[in-house]
Amino acid sequence: MHDSPESIICAHPELLEADQHIAASFLDLRSRYKDQDLNDLVDGQRHWLMERNDCRNTPTWQPYDEGEFGCLKTIMGRRWQRLDDLYARQITLSATVADYRFVDPAYLSKHAKAYIGKFVHVFGALHFDDCGHARLGQISWRSGTFEVRSAEPSQEPCDSAFGYWTGTVTADKGDIYLSR
């Protein structure tokens, strides 16, 4: 059984320091940004937390520095650096929107062009248009949807449970979709 990211962070002083720095930087940046940049900052933090929490899925048989602790150290180090860069330069956040591997359909739709060619995990319910022979469908969650295309007919049921659906964001003839 895996420990929660929070329990691992609290048990390791260097991770706790990083967590406190990230939290303080995020709160400070929230007061500096407005409008769409503020929305992008908050969305980014939410998607970064999904990625951080995925460290629970790191195999436990890996050496300590490559297991959950190593995953958290790497993910948190990147976030610390990104927030410090934003703090130092106060750039528009559009340069950072495609930093996250774990996204929801609405976020991916909004920033689809920035994600072209990237492998992502999209959270939502997967629905295929033609059961058993489906190559076209969509992932939906809350108010967002994102198109899915499969090279082979899917073996998934027409409507699949909520989960993370993986693939590469692809552009073809003006369409942007998740290729599985």
Protein backbone atom coordinates (compact mmCIF):
# COMPACT_ATOMS: atom_id res chain seq x y z
CA MET A 1 0.00 0.00 0.00
CA HIS A 2 1.23 3.46 -0.90
CA ASP A 3 1.42 6.37 1.50
CA SER A 4 -0.37 9.56 0.54
CA PRO A 5 1.79 12.27 -1.01
CA GLU A 6 1.01 14.47 2.01
CA SER A 7 2.29 11.89 4.51
CA ILE A 8 5.51 11.42 2.52
CA ILE A 9 5.97 15.21 2.26
CA CYS A 10 5.47 15.68 6.01
CA ALA A 11 7.92 12.87 6.80
CA HIS A 12 10.80 14.40 4.79
CA PRO A 13 12.15 17.86 5.70
CA GLU A 14 13.34 18.67 2.17
CA LEU A 15 9.91 17.87 0.71
CA LEU A 16 8.18 19.80 3.48
CA GLU A 17 10.37 22.83 2.73
CA ALA A 18 9.50 22.56 -0.96
CA ASP A 19 5.79 22.23 -0.15
CA GLN A 20 5.85 25.32 2.05
CA HIS A 21 7.77 27.30 -0.59
CA ILE A 22 5.35 26.24 -3.34
CA ALA A 23 2.32 27.17 -1.18
CA ALA A 24 3.74 30.59 -0.25
CA SER A 25 4.79 31.34 -3.84
CA PHE A 26 1.40 30.31 -5.19
CA LEU A 27 -0.44 32.54 -2.69
CA ASP A 28 1.83 35.48 -3.52
CA LEU A 29 1.39 34.98 -7.27
CA ARG A 30 -2.41 34.84 -6.84
CA SER A 31 -2.28 38.41 -5.58
CA ARG A 32 -0.17 39.55 -8.55
CA TYR A 33 -2.13 38.08 -11.44
CA LYS A 34 -5.58 39.09 -12.64
CA ASP A 35 -8.25 37.96 -15.07
CA GLN A 36 -7.23 35.18 -17.47
CA ASP A 37 -3.70 34.91 -16.05
CA LEU A 38 -5.15 34.32 -12.58
CA ASN A 39 -7.47 31.65 -13.98
CA ASP A 40 -4.51 29.99 -15.74
CA LEU A 41 -2.47 30.09 -12.51
CA VAL A 42 -5.25 28.45 -10.48
CA ASP A 43 -5.95 25.86 -13.21
CA GLY A 44 -2.24 25.16 -13.41
CA GLN A 45 -1.97 24.55 -9.67
CA ARG A 46 -4.93 22.16 -9.80
CA HIS A 47 -3.42 20.20 -12.69
CA TRP A 48 0.01 20.19 -11.05
CA LEU A 49 -1.57 18.68 -7.91
CA MET A 50 -3.04 15.88 -10.04
CA GLU A 51 0.43 15.16 -11.37
CA ARG A 52 1.95 15.32 -7.89
CA ASN A 53 -0.70 12.95 -6.55
CA ASP A 54 0.07 10.48 -9.34
CA CYS A 55 3.37 9.79 -7.56
CA ARG A 56 1.29 7.28 -5.55
CA ASN A 57 1.36 5.11 -8.67
CA THR A 58 5.15 4.85 -8.71
CA PRO A 59 6.08 1.17 -8.26
CA THR A 60 7.12 0.49 -4.67
CA TRP A 61 9.83 -1.92 -5.75
CA GLN A 62 11.88 0.92 -7.22
CA PRO A 63 14.87 2.21 -5.25
CA TYR A 64 14.00 4.92 -2.73
CA ASP A 65 15.18 7.85 -4.86
CA GLU A 66 13.25 6.51 -7.87
CA GLY A 67 10.09 5.58 -5.94
CA GLU A 68 7.40 7.82 -4.50
CA PHE A 69 9.91 10.05 -2.68
CA GLY A 70 11.95 10.56 -5.86
CA CYS A 71 8.84 11.26 -7.90
CA LEU A 72 7.65 13.87 -5.39
CA LYS A 73 11.12 15.42 -5.19
CA THR A 74 11.25 15.80 -8.98
CA ILE A 75 7.67 17.05 -9.44
CA MET A 76 7.93 19.50 -6.55
CA GLY A 77 11.34 20.72 -7.69
CA ARG A 78 9.93 21.54 -11.13
CA ARG A 79 6.96 23.37 -9.63
CA TRP A 80 9.21 25.34 -7.25
CA GLN A 81 11.34 26.43 -10.22
CA ARG A 82 8.31 27.30 -12.39
CA LEU A 83 6.74 29.45 -9.66
CA ASP A 84 10.07 31.16 -8.96
CA ASP A 85 10.42 31.91 -12.68
CA LEU A 86 6.90 33.38 -12.74
CA TYR A 87 7.63 35.43 -9.64
CA ALA A 88 10.91 36.81 -11.00
CA ARG A 89 9.64 37.70 -14.47
CA GLN A 90 5.84 38.00 -14.00
CA ILE A 91 5.26 36.72 -17.51
CA THR A 92 1.86 35.92 -18.92
CA LEU A 93 0.87 32.42 -18.00
CA SER A 94 0.05 31.38 -21.56
CA ALA A 95 3.67 30.17 -21.77
CA THR A 96 2.99 27.61 -19.03
CA VAL A 97 -0.42 26.20 -19.96
CA ALA A 98 0.94 23.00 -21.54
CA ASP A 99 3.22 22.10 -18.61
CA TYR A 100 0.78 19.54 -17.18
CA ARG A 101 0.40 15.87 -18.12
CA PHE A 102 -2.84 15.41 -16.14
CA VAL A 103 -5.69 17.53 -17.47
CA ASP A 104 -9.45 17.61 -17.76
CA PRO A 105 -11.33 17.92 -21.07
CA ALA A 106 -12.28 21.60 -20.63
CA TYR A 107 -8.67 22.62 -19.91
CA LEU A 108 -7.38 20.55 -22.82
CA SER A 109 -9.97 22.03 -25.20
CA LYS A 110 -9.06 25.54 -24.09
CA HIS A 111 -5.31 24.99 -24.62
CA ALA A 112 -5.39 22.28 -27.31
CA LYS A 113 -2.94 23.96 -29.70
CA ALA A 114 -0.29 24.20 -26.97
CA TYR A 115 -0.64 20.46 -26.32
CA ILE A 116 -0.22 19.18 -29.89
CA GLY A 117 2.33 16.36 -29.90
CA LYS A 118 2.24 15.87 -26.12
CA PHE A 119 1.26 12.69 -24.30
CA VAL A 120 -1.43 13.40 -21.69
CA HIS A 121 -3.76 11.78 -19.18
CA VAL A 122 -7.28 13.19 -19.54
CA PHE A 123 -9.73 12.71 -16.67
CA GLY A 124 -13.36 12.00 -17.49
CA ALA A 125 -15.83 9.48 -18.84
CA LEU A 126 -15.02 7.99 -22.23
CA HIS A 127 -17.89 7.54 -24.67
CA PHE A 128 -17.55 5.91 -28.11
CA ASP A 129 -20.02 6.70 -30.87
CA ASP A 130 -20.38 3.14 -32.22
CA CYS A 131 -20.13 0.32 -29.66
CA GLY A 132 -17.72 -2.46 -30.54
CA HIS A 133 -16.53 -0.82 -33.74
CA ALA A 134 -15.78 2.60 -32.36
CA ARG A 135 -12.90 4.69 -33.55
CA LEU A 136 -14.45 8.06 -32.66
CA GLY A 137 -15.64 9.30 -29.31
CA GLN A 138 -15.15 11.87 -26.62
CA ILE A 139 -14.01 12.24 -23.06
CA SER A 140 -16.29 14.37 -20.93
CA TRP A 141 -16.24 15.71 -17.41
CA ARG A 142 -18.27 18.54 -15.96
CA SER A 143 -18.78 21.08 -18.73
CA GLY A 144 -15.92 19.97 -20.97
CA THR A 145 -15.49 17.44 -23.75
CA PHE A 146 -12.54 16.49 -25.92
CA GLU A 147 -12.58 14.37 -29.07
CA VAL A 148 -10.91 10.93 -29.07
CA ARG A 149 -9.85 8.92 -32.10
CA SER A 150 -8.59 5.37 -31.95
CA ALA A 151 -6.45 3.77 -34.67
CA GLU A 152 -8.14 0.43 -33.98
CA PRO A 153 -11.74 -0.26 -33.02
CA SER A 154 -11.98 0.14 -29.28
CA GLN A 155 -12.63 -2.80 -27.01
CA GLU A 156 -13.97 -0.38 -24.40
CA PRO A 157 -17.69 -0.38 -23.63
CA CYS A 158 -19.68 2.45 -25.26
CA ASP A 159 -19.71 4.39 -22.00
CA SER A 160 -16.73 3.78 -19.75
CA ALA A 161 -16.34 4.71 -16.12
CA PHE A 162 -14.51 7.81 -15.04
CA GLY A 163 -10.77 7.53 -15.13
CA TYR A 164 -7.64 8.81 -16.81
CA TRP A 165 -7.55 8.15 -20.54
CA THR A 166 -4.12 8.45 -22.12
CA GLY A 167 -2.98 9.40 -25.58
CA THR A 168 -1.19 11.97 -27.70
CA VAL A 169 -2.81 15.25 -28.67
CA THR A 170 -2.84 15.24 -32.45
CA ALA A 171 -3.76 17.77 -35.14
CA ASP A 172 -5.04 16.67 -38.53
CA LYS A 173 -6.73 18.86 -41.14
CA GLY A 174 -7.68 21.47 -38.58
CA ASP A 175 -9.04 18.98 -36.03
CA ILE A 176 -7.31 18.51 -32.69
CA TYR A 177 -8.03 15.28 -30.82
CA LEU A 178 -6.62 12.68 -28.45
CA SER A 179 -5.10 9.81 -30.41
CA ARG A 180 -5.18 6.44 -28.62
